[in-house]
Amino acid sequence: MEGISQESRQFGTKAAAAAALPQLTPTQIKVLRGVRSGLLNKQIAYDLGIAETTVKAHMTALMRKLNVRNRTQVAIAAQALSLQTV
């Protein structure tokens, strides 16, 4: 992303995250909270009483809905949404 400032990229992430929020399922929001808290997939799965593979499927859906490519970007988007009702 050459030529784009860090601030611009962060704004884009916040905007994408805010737009995706209504599209998230309740379980995806719970997974998002776990990622924001720095939990591993295994820990999130245990907390939610679901399989780790199910958490991975939710992570894939979250990345698609938030238009991000990796877990770190999901965490950044989750942090941006933390000021809203996540």
PDB file of N, CA and C in Angstrom:
ATOM      1  N   MET A   1       0.830  -1.182   0.000  1.00  0.00           N
ATOM      2  CA  MET A   1       0.000   0.000   0.000  1.00  0.00           C
ATOM      3  C   MET A   1       0.872   1.243   0.000  1.00  0.00           C
ATOM      4  N   GLU A   2       1.670   1.308  -0.984  1.00  0.00           N
ATOM      5  CA  GLU A   2       2.594   2.413  -1.088  1.00  0.00           C
ATOM      6  C   GLU A   2       1.848   3.704  -1.376  1.00  0.00           C
ATOM      7  N   GLY A   3       2.236   4.777  -0.731  1.00  0.00           N
ATOM      8  CA  GLY A   3       1.620   6.060  -0.967  1.00  0.00           C
ATOM      9  C   GLY A   3       0.387   6.333  -0.120  1.00  0.00           C
ATOM     10  N   ILE A   4      -0.018   5.366   0.680  1.00  0.00           N
ATOM     11  CA  ILE A   4      -1.183   5.547   1.549  1.00  0.00           C
ATOM     12  C   ILE A   4      -0.695   5.594   2.992  1.00  0.00           C
ATOM     13  N   SER A   5      -1.099   6.614   3.699  1.00  0.00           N
ATOM     14  CA  SER A   5      -0.627   6.777   5.073  1.00  0.00           C
ATOM     15  C   SER A   5      -1.252   5.730   5.993  1.00  0.00           C
ATOM     16  N   GLN A   6      -0.605   5.513   7.119  1.00  0.00           N
ATOM     17  CA  GLN A   6      -1.112   4.594   8.134  1.00  0.00           C
ATOM     18  C   GLN A   6      -2.509   5.035   8.588  1.00  0.00           C
ATOM     19  N   GLU A   7      -2.687   6.331   8.733  1.00  0.00           N
ATOM     20  CA  GLU A   7      -3.978   6.869   9.165  1.00  0.00           C
ATOM     21  C   GLU A   7      -5.073   6.551   8.153  1.00  0.00           C
ATOM     22  N   SER A   8      -4.773   6.668   6.880  1.00  0.00           N
ATOM     23  CA  SER A   8      -5.748   6.366   5.831  1.00  0.00           C
ATOM     24  C   SER A   8      -6.109   4.894   5.838  1.00  0.00           C
ATOM     25  N   ARG A   9      -5.103   4.028   5.996  1.00  0.00           N
ATOM     26  CA  ARG A   9      -5.373   2.592   6.051  1.00  0.00           C
ATOM     27  C   ARG A   9      -6.233   2.267   7.250  1.00  0.00           C
ATOM     28  N   GLN A  10      -5.940   2.884   8.399  1.00  0.00           N
ATOM     29  CA  GLN A  10      -6.704   2.609   9.613  1.00  0.00           C
ATOM     30  C   GLN A  10      -8.143   3.087   9.446  1.00  0.00           C
ATOM     31  N   PHE A  11      -8.343   4.241   8.825  1.00  0.00           N
ATOM     32  CA  PHE A  11      -9.690   4.731   8.585  1.00  0.00           C
ATOM     33  C   PHE A  11     -10.459   3.762   7.696  1.00  0.00           C
ATOM     34  N   GLY A  12      -9.786   3.232   6.665  1.00  0.00           N
ATOM     35  CA  GLY A  12     -10.420   2.261   5.781  1.00  0.00           C
ATOM     36  C   GLY A  12     -10.846   1.020   6.529  1.00  0.00           C
ATOM     37  N   THR A  13     -10.011   0.551   7.450  1.00  0.00           N
ATOM     38  CA  THR A  13     -10.341  -0.612   8.257  1.00  0.00           C
ATOM     39  C   THR A  13     -11.539  -0.319   9.151  1.00  0.00           C
ATOM     40  N   LYS A  14     -11.553   0.863   9.770  1.00  0.00           N
ATOM     41  CA  LYS A  14     -12.673   1.238  10.644  1.00  0.00           C
ATOM     42  C   LYS A  14     -13.965   1.328   9.852  1.00  0.00           C
ATOM     43  N   ALA A  15     -13.896   1.926   8.681  1.00  0.00           N
ATOM     44  CA  ALA A  15     -15.089   2.083   7.860  1.00  0.00           C
ATOM     45  C   ALA A  15     -15.614   0.727   7.412  1.00  0.00           C
ATOM     46  N   ALA A  16     -14.719  -0.160   6.992  1.00  0.00           N
ATOM     47  CA  ALA A  16     -15.131  -1.500   6.565  1.00  0.00           C
ATOM     48  C   ALA A  16     -15.722  -2.274   7.728  1.00  0.00           C
ATOM     49  N   ALA A  17     -15.103  -2.155   8.897  1.00  0.00           N
ATOM     50  CA  ALA A  17     -15.590  -2.860  10.078  1.00  0.00           C
ATOM     51  C   ALA A  17     -16.969  -2.355  10.475  1.00  0.00           C
ATOM     52  N   ALA A  18     -17.157  -1.055  10.480  1.00  0.00           N
ATOM     53  CA  ALA A  18     -18.447  -0.479  10.857  1.00  0.00           C
ATOM     54  C   ALA A  18     -19.538  -0.893   9.875  1.00  0.00           C
ATOM     55  N   ALA A  19     -19.201  -0.954   8.598  1.00  0.00           N
ATOM     56  CA  ALA A  19     -20.173  -1.359   7.591  1.00  0.00           C
ATOM     57  C   ALA A  19     -20.535  -2.833   7.721  1.00  0.00           C
ATOM     58  N   ALA A  20     -19.594  -3.657   8.175  1.00  0.00           N
ATOM     59  CA  ALA A  20     -19.821  -5.094   8.285  1.00  0.00           C
ATOM     60  C   ALA A  20     -20.558  -5.482   9.562  1.00  0.00           C
ATOM     61  N   LEU A  21     -20.551  -4.633  10.563  1.00  0.00           N
ATOM     62  CA  LEU A  21     -21.126  -4.978  11.860  1.00  0.00           C
ATOM     63  C   LEU A  21     -22.546  -5.522  11.776  1.00  0.00           C
ATOM     64  N   PRO A  22     -23.446  -4.897  11.047  1.00  0.00           N
ATOM     65  CA  PRO A  22     -24.813  -5.439  10.991  1.00  0.00           C
ATOM     66  C   PRO A  22     -24.900  -6.815  10.330  1.00  0.00           C
ATOM     67  N   GLN A  23     -23.898  -7.176   9.538  1.00  0.00           N
ATOM     68  CA  GLN A  23     -23.901  -8.450   8.834  1.00  0.00           C
ATOM     69  C   GLN A  23     -23.367  -9.597   9.684  1.00  0.00           C
ATOM     70  N   LEU A  24     -22.798  -9.319  10.842  1.00  0.00           N
ATOM     71  CA  LEU A  24     -22.187 -10.349  11.672  1.00  0.00           C
ATOM     72  C   LEU A  24     -23.239 -11.093  12.491  1.00  0.00           C
ATOM     73  N   THR A  25     -23.037 -12.400  12.601  1.00  0.00           N
ATOM     74  CA  THR A  25     -23.924 -13.207  13.436  1.00  0.00           C
ATOM     75  C   THR A  25     -23.527 -13.030  14.897  1.00  0.00           C
ATOM     76  N   PRO A  26     -24.403 -13.395  15.827  1.00  0.00           N
ATOM     77  CA  PRO A  26     -24.041 -13.297  17.245  1.00  0.00           C
ATOM     78  C   PRO A  26     -22.770 -14.083  17.602  1.00  0.00           C
ATOM     79  N   THR A  27     -22.601 -15.256  17.015  1.00  0.00           N
ATOM     80  CA  THR A  27     -21.407 -16.047  17.306  1.00  0.00           C
ATOM     81  C   THR A  27     -20.168 -15.388  16.717  1.00  0.00           C
ATOM     82  N   GLN A  28     -20.281 -14.814  15.541  1.00  0.00           N
ATOM     83  CA  GLN A  28     -19.140 -14.114  14.948  1.00  0.00           C
ATOM     84  C   GLN A  28     -18.740 -12.923  15.813  1.00  0.00           C
ATOM     85  N   ILE A  29     -19.701 -12.253  16.398  1.00  0.00           N
ATOM     86  CA  ILE A  29     -19.383 -11.137  17.295  1.00  0.00           C
ATOM     87  C   ILE A  29     -18.654 -11.653  18.534  1.00  0.00           C
ATOM     88  N   LYS A  30     -19.064 -12.804  19.052  1.00  0.00           N
ATOM     89  CA  LYS A  30     -18.376 -13.390  20.209  1.00  0.00           C
ATOM     90  C   LYS A  30     -16.942 -13.782  19.847  1.00  0.00           C
ATOM     91  N   VAL A  31     -16.764 -14.351  18.660  1.00  0.00           N
ATOM     92  CA  VAL A  31     -15.411 -14.699  18.195  1.00  0.00           C
ATOM     93  C   VAL A  31     -14.588 -13.426  18.039  1.00  0.00           C
ATOM     94  N   LEU A  32     -15.197 -12.389  17.488  1.00  0.00           N
ATOM     95  CA  LEU A  32     -14.514 -11.104  17.317  1.00  0.00           C
ATOM     96  C   LEU A  32     -14.054 -10.547  18.660  1.00  0.00           C
ATOM     97  N   ARG A  33     -14.881 -10.676  19.670  1.00  0.00           N
ATOM     98  CA  ARG A  33     -14.500 -10.229  21.020  1.00  0.00           C
ATOM     99  C   ARG A  33     -13.302 -11.022  21.532  1.00  0.00           C
ATOM    100  N   GLY A  34     -13.295 -12.328  21.266  1.00  0.00           N
ATOM    101  CA  GLY A  34     -12.171 -13.158  21.686  1.00  0.00           C
ATOM    102  C   GLY A  34     -10.879 -12.752  21.002  1.00  0.00           C
ATOM    103  N   VAL A  35     -10.964 -12.484  19.699  1.00  0.00           N
ATOM    104  CA  VAL A  35      -9.785 -12.042  18.949  1.00  0.00           C
ATOM    105  C   VAL A  35      -9.297 -10.709  19.504  1.00  0.00           C
ATOM    106  N   ARG A  36     -10.236  -9.797  19.752  1.00  0.00           N
ATOM    107  CA  ARG A  36      -9.880  -8.478  20.300  1.00  0.00           C
ATOM    108  C   ARG A  36      -9.178  -8.625  21.649  1.00  0.00           C
ATOM    109  N   SER A  37      -9.575  -9.652  22.415  1.00  0.00           N
ATOM    110  CA  SER A  37      -8.960  -9.900  23.718  1.00  0.00           C
ATOM    111  C   SER A  37      -7.627 -10.620  23.625  1.00  0.00           C
ATOM    112  N   GLY A  38      -7.254 -11.047  22.418  1.00  0.00           N
ATOM    113  CA  GLY A  38      -5.972 -11.715  22.220  1.00  0.00           C
ATOM    114  C   GLY A  38      -6.002 -13.209  22.471  1.00  0.00           C
ATOM    115  N   LEU A  39      -7.194 -13.793  22.490  1.00  0.00           N
ATOM    116  CA  LEU A  39      -7.304 -15.229  22.734  1.00  0.00           C
ATOM    117  C   LEU A  39      -6.957 -16.036  21.488  1.00  0.00           C
ATOM    118  N   LEU A  40      -6.469 -17.229  21.697  1.00  0.00           N
ATOM    119  CA  LEU A  40      -6.217 -18.171  20.615  1.00  0.00           C
ATOM    120  C   LEU A  40      -7.539 -18.807  20.198  1.00  0.00           C
ATOM    121  N   ASN A  41      -7.580 -19.381  18.988  1.00  0.00           N
ATOM    122  CA  ASN A  41      -8.792 -20.064  18.528  1.00  0.00           C
ATOM    123  C   ASN A  41      -9.232 -21.127  19.526  1.00  0.00           C
ATOM    124  N   LYS A  42      -8.278 -21.856  20.068  1.00  0.00           N
ATOM    125  CA  LYS A  42      -8.586 -22.922  21.015  1.00  0.00           C
ATOM    126  C   LYS A  42      -9.266 -22.356  22.268  1.00  0.00           C
ATOM    127  N   GLN A  43      -8.789 -21.224  22.743  1.00  0.00           N
ATOM    128  CA  GLN A  43      -9.368 -20.589  23.925  1.00  0.00           C
ATOM    129  C   GLN A  43     -10.769 -20.052  23.623  1.00  0.00           C
ATOM    130  N   ILE A  44     -10.930 -19.467  22.454  1.00  0.00           N
ATOM    131  CA  ILE A  44     -12.246 -18.961  22.051  1.00  0.00           C
ATOM    132  C   ILE A  44     -13.235 -20.119  21.965  1.00  0.00           C
ATOM    133  N   ALA A  45     -12.799 -21.210  21.354  1.00  0.00           N
ATOM    134  CA  ALA A  45     -13.654 -22.393  21.223  1.00  0.00           C
ATOM    135  C   ALA A  45     -14.089 -22.906  22.590  1.00  0.00           C
ATOM    136  N   TYR A  46     -13.156 -22.984  23.517  1.00  0.00           N
ATOM    137  CA  TYR A  46     -13.471 -23.468  24.861  1.00  0.00           C
ATOM    138  C   TYR A  46     -14.487 -22.541  25.537  1.00  0.00           C
ATOM    139  N   ASP A  47     -14.240 -21.232  25.449  1.00  0.00           N
ATOM    140  CA  ASP A  47     -15.132 -20.253  26.074  1.00  0.00           C
ATOM    141  C   ASP A  47     -16.547 -20.313  25.510  1.00  0.00           C
ATOM    142  N   LEU A  48     -16.654 -20.554  24.206  1.00  0.00           N
ATOM    143  CA  LEU A  48     -17.963 -20.569  23.555  1.00  0.00           C
ATOM    144  C   LEU A  48     -18.598 -21.954  23.514  1.00  0.00           C
ATOM    145  N   GLY A  49     -17.837 -22.973  23.897  1.00  0.00           N
ATOM    146  CA  GLY A  49     -18.368 -24.335  23.892  1.00  0.00           C
ATOM    147  C   GLY A  49     -18.573 -24.876  22.489  1.00  0.00           C
ATOM    148  N   ILE A  50     -17.686 -24.490  21.566  1.00  0.00           N
ATOM    149  CA  ILE A  50     -17.762 -24.958  20.191  1.00  0.00           C
ATOM    150  C   ILE A  50     -16.407 -25.540  19.799  1.00  0.00           C
ATOM    151  N   ALA A  51     -16.370 -26.214  18.660  1.00  0.00           N
ATOM    152  CA  ALA A  51     -15.127 -26.822  18.187  1.00  0.00           C
ATOM    153  C   ALA A  51     -14.178 -25.750  17.651  1.00  0.00           C
ATOM    154  N   GLU A  52     -12.890 -26.030  17.759  1.00  0.00           N
ATOM    155  CA  GLU A  52     -11.887 -25.106  17.237  1.00  0.00           C
ATOM    156  C   GLU A  52     -12.052 -24.906  15.734  1.00  0.00           C
ATOM    157  N   THR A  53     -12.429 -25.958  15.015  1.00  0.00           N
ATOM    158  CA  THR A  53     -12.648 -25.827  13.572  1.00  0.00           C
ATOM    159  C   THR A  53     -13.814 -24.881  13.277  1.00  0.00           C
ATOM    160  N   THR A  54     -14.794 -24.848  14.163  1.00  0.00           N
ATOM    161  CA  THR A  54     -15.915 -23.915  13.997  1.00  0.00           C
ATOM    162  C   THR A  54     -15.434 -22.486  14.177  1.00  0.00           C
ATOM    163  N   VAL A  55     -14.542 -22.256  15.125  1.00  0.00           N
ATOM    164  CA  VAL A  55     -13.968 -20.921  15.325  1.00  0.00           C
ATOM    165  C   VAL A  55     -13.200 -20.524  14.066  1.00  0.00           C
ATOM    166  N   LYS A  56     -12.439 -21.458  13.503  1.00  0.00           N
ATOM    167  CA  LYS A  56     -11.694 -21.162  12.273  1.00  0.00           C
ATOM    168  C   LYS A  56     -12.637 -20.780  11.138  1.00  0.00           C
ATOM    169  N   ALA A  57     -13.780 -21.464  11.046  1.00  0.00           N
ATOM    170  CA  ALA A  57     -14.766 -21.129  10.013  1.00  0.00           C
ATOM    171  C   ALA A  57     -15.327 -19.730  10.248  1.00  0.00           C
ATOM    172  N   HIS A  58     -15.588 -19.396  11.507  1.00  0.00           N
ATOM    173  CA  HIS A  58     -16.068 -18.049  11.831  1.00  0.00           C
ATOM    174  C   HIS A  58     -15.000 -16.998  11.511  1.00  0.00           C
ATOM    175  N   MET A  59     -13.740 -17.323  11.761  1.00  0.00           N
ATOM    176  CA  MET A  59     -12.653 -16.392  11.443  1.00  0.00           C
ATOM    177  C   MET A  59     -12.594 -16.132   9.937  1.00  0.00           C
ATOM    178  N   THR A  60     -12.749 -17.183   9.145  1.00  0.00           N
ATOM    179  CA  THR A  60     -12.749 -17.027   7.693  1.00  0.00           C
ATOM    180  C   THR A  60     -13.894 -16.118   7.258  1.00  0.00           C
ATOM    181  N   ALA A  61     -15.074 -16.338   7.839  1.00  0.00           N
ATOM    182  CA  ALA A  61     -16.231 -15.502   7.510  1.00  0.00           C
ATOM    183  C   ALA A  61     -16.002 -14.063   7.953  1.00  0.00           C
ATOM    184  N   LEU A  62     -15.410 -13.880   9.132  1.00  0.00           N
ATOM    185  CA  LEU A  62     -15.119 -12.530   9.621  1.00  0.00           C
ATOM    186  C   LEU A  62     -14.154 -11.806   8.692  1.00  0.00           C
ATOM    187  N   MET A  63     -13.108 -12.495   8.270  1.00  0.00           N
ATOM    188  CA  MET A  63     -12.136 -11.874   7.363  1.00  0.00           C
ATOM    189  C   MET A  63     -12.798 -11.453   6.060  1.00  0.00           C
ATOM    190  N   ARG A  64     -13.690 -12.287   5.560  1.00  0.00           N
ATOM    191  CA  ARG A  64     -14.392 -11.957   4.327  1.00  0.00           C
ATOM    192  C   ARG A  64     -15.319 -10.753   4.541  1.00  0.00           C
ATOM    193  N   LYS A  65     -16.105 -10.783   5.611  1.00  0.00           N
ATOM    194  CA  LYS A  65     -17.059  -9.706   5.868  1.00  0.00           C
ATOM    195  C   LYS A  65     -16.380  -8.384   6.211  1.00  0.00           C
ATOM    196  N   LEU A  66     -15.240  -8.453   6.889  1.00  0.00           N
ATOM    197  CA  LEU A  66     -14.520  -7.239   7.266  1.00  0.00           C
ATOM    198  C   LEU A  66     -13.556  -6.781   6.174  1.00  0.00           C
ATOM    199  N   ASN A  67     -13.456  -7.607   5.127  1.00  0.00           N
ATOM    200  CA  ASN A  67     -12.571  -7.310   3.998  1.00  0.00           C
ATOM    201  C   ASN A  67     -11.117  -7.128   4.452  1.00  0.00           C
ATOM    202  N   VAL A  68     -10.654  -8.089   5.251  1.00  0.00           N
ATOM    203  CA  VAL A  68      -9.270  -8.089   5.713  1.00  0.00           C
ATOM    204  C   VAL A  68      -8.634  -9.428   5.352  1.00  0.00           C
ATOM    205  N   ARG A  69      -7.307  -9.493   5.486  1.00  0.00           N
ATOM    206  CA  ARG A  69      -6.592 -10.684   5.019  1.00  0.00           C
ATOM    207  C   ARG A  69      -6.027 -11.567   6.111  1.00  0.00           C
ATOM    208  N   ASN A  70      -5.926 -11.068   7.343  1.00  0.00           N
ATOM    209  CA  ASN A  70      -5.312 -11.891   8.379  1.00  0.00           C
ATOM    210  C   ASN A  70      -5.889 -11.568   9.760  1.00  0.00           C
ATOM    211  N   ARG A  71      -5.498 -12.375  10.722  1.00  0.00           N
ATOM    212  CA  ARG A  71      -6.013 -12.265  12.086  1.00  0.00           C
ATOM    213  C   ARG A  71      -5.665 -10.917  12.720  1.00  0.00           C
ATOM    214  N   THR A  72      -4.487 -10.407  12.426  1.00  0.00           N
ATOM    215  CA  THR A  72      -4.086  -9.116  12.985  1.00  0.00           C
ATOM    216  C   THR A  72      -5.034  -8.024  12.519  1.00  0.00           C
ATOM    217  N   GLN A  73      -5.388  -8.050  11.261  1.00  0.00           N
ATOM    218  CA  GLN A  73      -6.319  -7.056  10.743  1.00  0.00           C
ATOM    219  C   GLN A  73      -7.714  -7.230  11.342  1.00  0.00           C
ATOM    220  N   VAL A  74      -8.108  -8.470  11.623  1.00  0.00           N
ATOM    221  CA  VAL A  74      -9.380  -8.713  12.312  1.00  0.00           C
ATOM    222  C   VAL A  74      -9.330  -8.073  13.694  1.00  0.00           C
ATOM    223  N   ALA A  75      -8.210  -8.242  14.386  1.00  0.00           N
ATOM    224  CA  ALA A  75      -8.061  -7.662  15.725  1.00  0.00           C
ATOM    225  C   ALA A  75      -8.108  -6.135  15.674  1.00  0.00           C
ATOM    226  N   ILE A  76      -7.493  -5.547  14.660  1.00  0.00           N
ATOM    227  CA  ILE A  76      -7.522  -4.092  14.500  1.00  0.00           C
ATOM    228  C   ILE A  76      -8.956  -3.622  14.249  1.00  0.00           C
ATOM    229  N   ALA A  77      -9.663  -4.338  13.382  1.00  0.00           N
ATOM    230  CA  ALA A  77     -11.062  -3.993  13.109  1.00  0.00           C
ATOM    231  C   ALA A  77     -11.910  -4.156  14.364  1.00  0.00           C
ATOM    232  N   ALA A  78     -11.647  -5.199  15.139  1.00  0.00           N
ATOM    233  CA  ALA A  78     -12.385  -5.410  16.393  1.00  0.00           C
ATOM    234  C   ALA A  78     -12.137  -4.284  17.362  1.00  0.00           C
ATOM    235  N   GLN A  79     -10.905  -3.819  17.427  1.00  0.00           N
ATOM    236  CA  GLN A  79     -10.569  -2.696  18.316  1.00  0.00           C
ATOM    237  C   GLN A  79     -11.282  -1.432  17.844  1.00  0.00           C
ATOM    238  N   ALA A  80     -11.328  -1.224  16.527  1.00  0.00           N
ATOM    239  CA  ALA A  80     -12.037  -0.056  15.986  1.00  0.00           C
ATOM    240  C   ALA A  80     -13.512  -0.115  16.341  1.00  0.00           C
ATOM    241  N   LEU A  81     -14.064  -1.308  16.361  1.00  0.00           N
ATOM    242  CA  LEU A  81     -15.480  -1.473  16.693  1.00  0.00           C
ATOM    243  C   LEU A  81     -15.746  -1.445  18.193  1.00  0.00           C
ATOM    244  N   SER A  82     -14.704  -1.566  18.992  1.00  0.00           N
ATOM    245  CA  SER A  82     -14.913  -1.637  20.445  1.00  0.00           C
ATOM    246  C   SER A  82     -15.514  -0.347  20.996  1.00  0.00           C
ATOM    247  N   LEU A  83     -15.347   0.754  20.291  1.00  0.00           N
ATOM    248  CA  LEU A  83     -15.963   2.006  20.700  1.00  0.00           C
ATOM    249  C   LEU A  83     -17.454   1.995  20.398  1.00  0.00           C
ATOM    250  N   GLN A  84     -17.831   1.082  19.492  1.00  0.00           N
ATOM    251  CA  GLN A  84     -19.249   0.887  19.200  1.00  0.00           C
ATOM    252  C   GLN A  84     -19.708  -0.292  20.038  1.00  0.00           C
ATOM    253  N   THR A  85     -20.793  -0.906  19.744  1.00  0.00           N
ATOM    254  CA  THR A  85     -21.419  -1.861  20.651  1.00  0.00           C
ATOM    255  C   THR A  85     -20.938  -3.301  20.521  1.00  0.00           C
ATOM    256  N   VAL A  86     -19.685  -3.560  20.220  1.00  0.00           N
ATOM    257  CA  VAL A  86     -19.191  -4.941  20.122  1.00  0.00           C
ATOM    258  C   VAL A  86     -18.854  -5.463  21.494  1.00  0.00           C
TER     259      VAL A  86
END
